[in-house]
Amino acid sequence: MTDHKESTGEDEVLPKPRQTPLFLATQGARYRRQDAIREIQKATGRKLICYVSGQAGYINRDDVLPLTDLLQSAEPGIKLDLMLHTLGGDVDAAEKIAGLLLKTVGPDGELRVIVPDCAKSAGTLISLAAQSIVMSDTSELGPIDPQIVTTSPDGSQTSRPANSYIDAYNEMMEQVEKGLTGPAIDALIAKFDPVLLDMCRKASKRSRKFAEKFLREGMFRGSKTANVTEIASKLDSNQTWLSHGAVINAEDAQSIGLTVDYRDEHENEWQAYWRLYCEMRLTLNSNTEKLFESDYASLQI
């Protein structure tokens, strides 16, 4: 006689997995990150999107498409957080991205930029469009003095700080005005490229103009007292920072006049941001890769 176990109907009520076992195994890290994003959103009451790049994944116009994808479900008036990690890139692309973010939140919304690690150069410019920048002890912004890329006859490229080139030329002209001339001075002057000098001057002016524009439209929207010209000038000053890679930490940013929401590194919310950032950085396979992620979209390019 054979025993029969009476059916309880459990097989019929168990939910079917949304993904196959192999797909879930290969994409498990992504689902874990997106679950973390949902938990952060639940705790903050704000929508979170993330743009995390490798050390050589610079901001460019190709970033507009994936960022637009992350913003598909964002409605005007939304409270939007952008987690941003980048060492900089194209100023024109940064302007387009900042404008896109501000257009998305609208006049009644609020944009914050969360900087777990670095938002340098063009990343700092994007951050100026936010009402506040969330920073902790690991966070850093950077000077916005532009870099000019030149190509030598052999095809190699060199990046030069625009303001340093301008300063060197101005110092040389001061020597000439003082009457210090001669073959050595003439040889140095001859090395200055007038076209490159013009490019540097325009790039420097462009960077400050960008900073002032988004400080007015973002961080100091509606303010009648903020001196955005002075703040932009401080961020652009290579005399203050001496190096384009100089660290502007939370305290420095506040002293410049930026609106910084400082978080203790042991605070629960900051720990959640930091864990998510670590997961994202470790998923990048090369220094040039970038990860664009929200609770429903994920693009690694």
Protein backbone atom coordinates (compact mmCIF):
# COMPACT_ATOMS: atom_id res chain seq x y z
CA MET A 1 0.00 0.00 0.00
CA THR A 2 1.40 3.39 -0.98
CA ASP A 3 1.12 6.43 1.27
CA HIS A 4 -0.19 9.59 -0.41
CA LYS A 5 0.46 13.07 0.95
CA GLU A 6 -2.63 15.14 0.56
CA SER A 7 -2.06 18.24 -1.58
CA THR A 8 -2.25 21.50 0.33
CA GLY A 9 -2.21 23.70 -2.74
CA GLU A 10 1.11 25.29 -1.70
CA ASP A 11 2.64 24.82 -5.15
CA GLU A 12 -0.18 26.86 -6.62
CA VAL A 13 0.18 29.84 -4.25
CA LEU A 14 3.97 30.19 -4.22
CA PRO A 15 4.90 33.26 -6.33
CA LYS A 16 6.91 32.59 -9.45
CA PRO A 17 10.28 34.37 -9.49
CA ARG A 18 10.43 37.40 -11.81
CA GLN A 19 13.81 36.31 -13.15
CA THR A 20 15.37 33.00 -14.02
CA PRO A 21 17.91 31.64 -11.50
CA LEU A 22 20.85 32.30 -13.84
CA PHE A 23 19.76 35.86 -14.61
CA LEU A 24 19.23 36.57 -10.93
CA ALA A 25 22.65 35.13 -10.09
CA THR A 26 24.43 37.27 -12.69
CA GLN A 27 22.46 40.43 -11.86
CA GLY A 28 22.19 39.96 -8.11
CA ALA A 29 24.51 42.85 -7.25
CA ARG A 30 22.38 45.25 -9.30
CA TYR A 31 19.19 44.18 -7.54
CA ARG A 32 20.91 44.55 -4.19
CA ARG A 33 21.98 48.13 -5.05
CA GLN A 34 18.50 49.01 -6.28
CA ASP A 35 16.98 47.63 -3.09
CA ALA A 36 19.39 49.89 -1.17
CA ILE A 37 18.26 52.87 -3.24
CA ARG A 38 14.62 52.09 -2.39
CA GLU A 39 15.45 51.85 1.31
CA ILE A 40 17.23 55.24 1.19
CA GLN A 41 14.30 56.80 -0.65
CA LYS A 42 11.90 55.40 1.94
CA ALA A 43 13.98 56.91 4.76
CA THR A 44 14.50 60.35 3.15
CA GLY A 45 11.24 60.79 1.26
CA ARG A 46 13.29 61.87 -1.77
CA LYS A 47 13.99 60.30 -5.15
CA LEU A 48 17.62 59.17 -5.56
CA ILE A 49 19.51 58.78 -8.82
CA CYS A 50 23.20 57.95 -9.06
CA TYR A 51 26.04 58.81 -11.43
CA VAL A 52 29.27 57.11 -10.36
CA SER A 53 32.30 57.01 -12.66
CA GLY A 54 35.72 55.44 -12.69
CA GLN A 55 38.80 57.59 -12.26
CA ALA A 56 38.99 58.25 -16.01
CA GLY A 57 35.27 58.28 -16.75
CA TYR A 58 34.96 61.98 -17.43
CA ILE A 59 31.72 63.92 -17.88
CA ASN A 60 30.77 64.23 -21.55
CA ARG A 61 27.70 64.68 -23.73
CA ASP A 62 27.10 60.93 -23.89
CA ASP A 63 26.03 61.15 -20.23
CA VAL A 64 22.86 63.05 -21.13
CA LEU A 65 21.07 60.00 -22.56
CA PRO A 66 21.43 57.67 -19.53
CA LEU A 67 20.73 60.50 -17.07
CA THR A 68 17.56 61.36 -18.96
CA ASP A 69 16.55 57.70 -18.63
CA LEU A 70 16.92 57.91 -14.84
CA LEU A 71 14.65 60.97 -14.77
CA GLN A 72 11.77 59.42 -16.72
CA SER A 73 9.54 59.02 -13.67
CA ALA A 74 10.49 62.33 -12.02
CA GLU A 75 7.62 64.81 -11.86
CA PRO A 76 7.98 68.62 -11.56
CA GLY A 77 8.09 69.64 -7.92
CA ILE A 78 9.96 66.49 -6.93
CA LYS A 79 12.61 66.38 -4.21
CA LEU A 80 15.52 64.91 -6.14
CA ASP A 81 18.90 63.68 -4.92
CA LEU A 82 21.83 63.05 -7.26
CA MET A 83 24.67 60.94 -5.90
CA LEU A 84 27.66 62.13 -7.90
CA HIS A 85 31.22 60.84 -8.17
CA THR A 86 33.42 62.24 -10.93
CA LEU A 87 36.82 63.83 -11.38
CA GLY A 88 35.40 66.31 -13.91
CA GLY A 89 35.10 66.62 -17.64
CA ASP A 90 33.46 68.73 -20.33
CA VAL A 91 32.10 72.07 -19.07
CA ASP A 92 29.49 72.27 -21.85
CA ALA A 93 28.19 68.80 -20.98
CA ALA A 94 28.08 69.77 -17.30
CA GLU A 95 26.00 72.83 -18.19
CA LYS A 96 23.50 70.71 -20.10
CA ILE A 97 23.25 68.18 -17.26
CA ALA A 98 22.74 70.88 -14.62
CA GLY A 99 20.07 72.53 -16.76
CA LEU A 100 18.33 69.19 -17.26
CA LEU A 101 18.25 68.53 -13.51
CA LEU A 102 16.85 71.98 -12.72
CA LYS A 103 14.25 71.69 -15.48
CA THR A 104 13.18 68.31 -14.08
CA VAL A 105 12.59 69.50 -10.49
CA GLY A 106 11.01 72.76 -11.64
CA PRO A 107 10.58 75.94 -9.59
CA ASP A 108 8.70 74.12 -6.82
CA GLY A 109 11.07 71.16 -6.51
CA GLU A 110 14.39 70.72 -4.73
CA LEU A 111 17.68 69.34 -5.96
CA ARG A 112 20.44 68.06 -3.69
CA VAL A 113 23.79 66.67 -4.77
CA ILE A 114 25.31 63.99 -2.54
CA VAL A 115 29.11 63.78 -2.80
CA PRO A 116 30.35 60.58 -1.12
CA ASP A 117 33.87 60.94 -2.51
CA CYS A 118 34.73 63.43 -5.30
CA ALA A 119 32.80 65.88 -7.48
CA LYS A 120 35.71 67.74 -9.02
CA SER A 121 35.89 70.49 -11.64
CA ALA A 122 32.84 70.05 -13.92
CA GLY A 123 31.32 67.91 -11.14
CA THR A 124 31.61 70.91 -8.80
CA LEU A 125 29.87 73.05 -11.42
CA ILE A 126 26.93 70.61 -11.53
CA SER A 127 26.78 70.69 -7.72
CA LEU A 128 26.29 74.48 -7.76
CA ALA A 129 22.85 73.95 -9.34
CA ALA A 130 21.68 72.14 -6.19
CA GLN A 131 19.96 73.86 -3.27
CA SER A 132 22.49 72.10 -1.03
CA ILE A 133 25.45 69.75 -1.27
CA VAL A 134 25.51 66.81 1.14
CA MET A 135 29.10 66.19 2.29
CA SER A 136 31.01 64.33 4.99
CA ASP A 137 34.67 63.84 5.87
CA THR A 138 35.34 61.76 2.74
CA SER A 139 33.77 64.33 0.40
CA GLU A 140 35.58 66.83 -1.77
CA LEU A 141 34.82 69.40 -4.42
CA GLY A 142 37.47 71.05 -6.56
CA PRO A 143 38.45 74.33 -8.21
CA ILE A 144 36.54 75.14 -11.40
CA ASP A 145 39.49 76.69 -13.27
CA PRO A 146 39.21 75.21 -16.78
CA GLN A 147 41.73 72.89 -18.39
CA ILE A 148 42.68 73.34 -22.05
CA VAL A 149 43.66 70.25 -24.04
CA THR A 150 46.21 70.86 -26.81
CA THR A 151 47.50 68.43 -29.43
CA SER A 152 51.18 68.41 -30.39
CA PRO A 153 52.43 67.69 -33.94
CA ASP A 154 53.08 64.05 -32.98
CA GLY A 155 49.44 63.63 -31.93
CA SER A 156 49.99 63.53 -28.18
CA GLN A 157 47.61 65.54 -26.03
CA THR A 158 48.47 67.79 -23.09
CA SER A 159 46.09 69.34 -20.58
CA ARG A 160 47.02 72.83 -19.38
CA PRO A 161 45.36 74.94 -16.68
CA ALA A 162 43.92 77.93 -18.53
CA ASN A 163 44.44 80.35 -15.63
CA SER A 164 48.10 79.33 -15.20
CA TYR A 165 48.79 80.02 -18.88
CA ILE A 166 47.14 83.45 -18.55
CA ASP A 167 49.08 84.21 -15.34
CA ALA A 168 52.39 83.24 -16.94
CA TYR A 169 51.72 85.53 -19.90
CA ASN A 170 50.68 88.44 -17.66
CA GLU A 171 53.81 88.06 -15.53
CA MET A 172 55.95 88.08 -18.66
CA MET A 173 54.28 91.27 -19.88
CA GLU A 174 54.90 92.90 -16.50
CA GLN A 175 58.60 92.18 -16.93
CA VAL A 176 58.55 93.82 -20.36
CA GLU A 177 56.73 96.88 -19.00
CA LYS A 178 59.45 97.21 -16.37
CA GLY A 179 62.03 97.34 -19.16
CA LEU A 180 63.42 93.85 -18.65
CA THR A 181 64.03 92.85 -22.26
CA GLY A 182 66.62 90.81 -24.08
CA PRO A 183 67.06 87.61 -26.08
CA ALA A 184 65.94 85.38 -23.20
CA ILE A 185 62.73 87.35 -22.59
CA ASP A 186 62.02 87.56 -26.33
CA ALA A 187 62.44 83.79 -26.67
CA LEU A 188 59.97 83.15 -23.83
CA ILE A 189 57.41 85.56 -25.26
CA ALA A 190 57.71 83.88 -28.65
CA LYS A 191 56.62 80.58 -27.10
CA PHE A 192 53.21 81.98 -26.16
CA ASP A 193 50.53 81.05 -28.67
CA PRO A 194 48.07 83.97 -29.13
CA VAL A 195 45.29 81.61 -30.20
CA LEU A 196 45.81 79.42 -27.15
CA LEU A 197 45.95 82.50 -24.93
CA ASP A 198 42.60 83.66 -26.33
CA MET A 199 41.13 80.19 -25.76
CA CYS A 200 42.33 80.21 -22.14
CA ARG A 201 40.83 83.63 -21.44
CA LYS A 202 37.48 82.67 -22.93
CA ALA A 203 37.44 79.31 -21.12
CA SER A 204 38.11 81.00 -17.79
CA LYS A 205 35.36 83.54 -18.40
CA ARG A 206 33.01 80.75 -19.49
CA SER A 207 33.62 78.73 -16.32
CA ARG A 208 32.89 81.67 -14.01
CA LYS A 209 29.81 82.62 -16.03
CA PHE A 210 28.52 79.04 -15.74
CA ALA A 211 29.11 79.03 -11.97
CA GLU A 212 27.32 82.33 -11.46
CA LYS A 213 24.36 81.22 -13.60
CA PHE A 214 23.69 78.02 -11.68
CA LEU A 215 24.34 79.57 -8.29
CA ARG A 216 21.56 82.03 -9.14
CA GLU A 217 19.23 79.37 -10.57
CA GLY A 218 20.07 76.66 -8.04
CA MET A 219 21.78 77.14 -4.71
CA PHE A 220 20.77 80.78 -4.24
CA ARG A 221 17.51 80.81 -6.17
CA GLY A 222 15.48 83.78 -5.02
CA SER A 223 18.27 85.14 -2.79
CA LYS A 224 18.95 88.87 -2.97
CA THR A 225 21.96 88.82 -0.68
CA ALA A 226 24.22 86.07 -2.03
CA ASN A 227 27.27 87.39 -3.90
CA VAL A 228 27.46 84.72 -6.58
CA THR A 229 30.20 86.59 -8.46
CA GLU A 230 32.47 86.48 -5.41
CA ILE A 231 31.75 82.79 -4.78
CA ALA A 232 32.46 81.87 -8.43
CA SER A 233 35.68 83.88 -8.32
CA LYS A 234 36.84 82.02 -5.19
CA LEU A 235 36.16 78.66 -6.83
CA ASP A 236 38.04 79.75 -9.96
CA SER A 237 41.09 81.14 -8.13
CA ASN A 238 44.26 79.21 -8.91
CA GLN A 239 46.08 81.63 -6.58
CA THR A 240 44.05 80.24 -3.69
CA TRP A 241 44.06 76.56 -4.59
CA LEU A 242 47.37 76.44 -6.56
CA SER A 243 46.42 73.09 -8.13
CA HIS A 244 43.43 72.02 -10.22
CA GLY A 245 43.27 68.84 -8.13
CA ALA A 246 43.22 70.68 -4.79
CA VAL A 247 40.77 69.36 -2.20
CA ILE A 248 37.86 71.60 -1.24
CA ASN A 249 36.36 69.82 1.75
CA ALA A 250 33.06 70.54 3.48
CA GLU A 251 34.58 73.21 5.74
CA ASP A 252 36.30 74.94 2.80
CA ALA A 253 33.08 74.86 0.77
CA GLN A 254 31.15 76.44 3.63
CA SER A 255 33.81 79.15 4.06
CA ILE A 256 33.51 80.01 0.35
CA GLY A 257 29.78 80.55 0.87
CA LEU A 258 28.32 77.32 -0.52
CA THR A 259 25.32 75.71 1.16
CA VAL A 260 26.68 72.46 2.60
CA ASP A 261 24.64 69.88 4.49
CA TYR A 262 27.43 68.29 6.55
CA ARG A 263 26.85 64.75 7.81
CA ASP A 264 28.85 62.93 10.44
CA GLU A 265 30.42 59.85 8.86
CA HIS A 266 28.83 57.60 11.53
CA GLU A 267 25.31 58.89 10.94
CA ASN A 268 22.96 56.17 9.67
CA GLU A 269 21.87 58.04 6.55
CA TRP A 270 25.44 58.82 5.53
CA GLN A 271 26.47 55.22 6.15
CA ALA A 272 23.70 54.13 3.77
CA TYR A 273 25.03 56.51 1.09
CA TRP A 274 28.59 55.31 1.64
CA ARG A 275 27.69 51.61 1.44
CA LEU A 276 25.79 52.21 -1.78
CA TYR A 277 28.69 54.19 -3.25
CA CYS A 278 31.17 51.43 -2.36
CA GLU A 279 28.96 48.85 -4.07
CA MET A 280 28.79 51.02 -7.18
CA ARG A 281 32.51 51.75 -7.39
CA LEU A 282 33.37 48.08 -7.02
CA THR A 283 31.03 47.07 -9.84
CA LEU A 284 32.96 49.19 -12.37
CA ASN A 285 35.23 47.04 -14.50
CA SER A 286 37.57 49.78 -15.69
CA ASN A 287 38.63 53.34 -14.91
CA THR A 288 36.64 54.64 -17.88
CA GLU A 289 33.33 52.98 -17.00
CA LYS A 290 30.36 54.83 -15.55
CA LEU A 291 27.29 53.60 -13.70
CA PHE A 292 23.93 55.34 -13.97
CA GLU A 293 21.40 53.85 -11.58
CA SER A 294 18.03 54.46 -9.94
CA ASP A 295 15.47 52.23 -8.27
CA TYR A 296 14.18 51.07 -11.65
CA ALA A 297 16.95 51.69 -14.23
CA SER A 298 20.59 50.64 -14.40
CA LEU A 299 23.09 51.41 -17.15
CA GLN A 300 26.78 50.54 -16.94
CA ILE A 301 28.72 51.97 -19.88
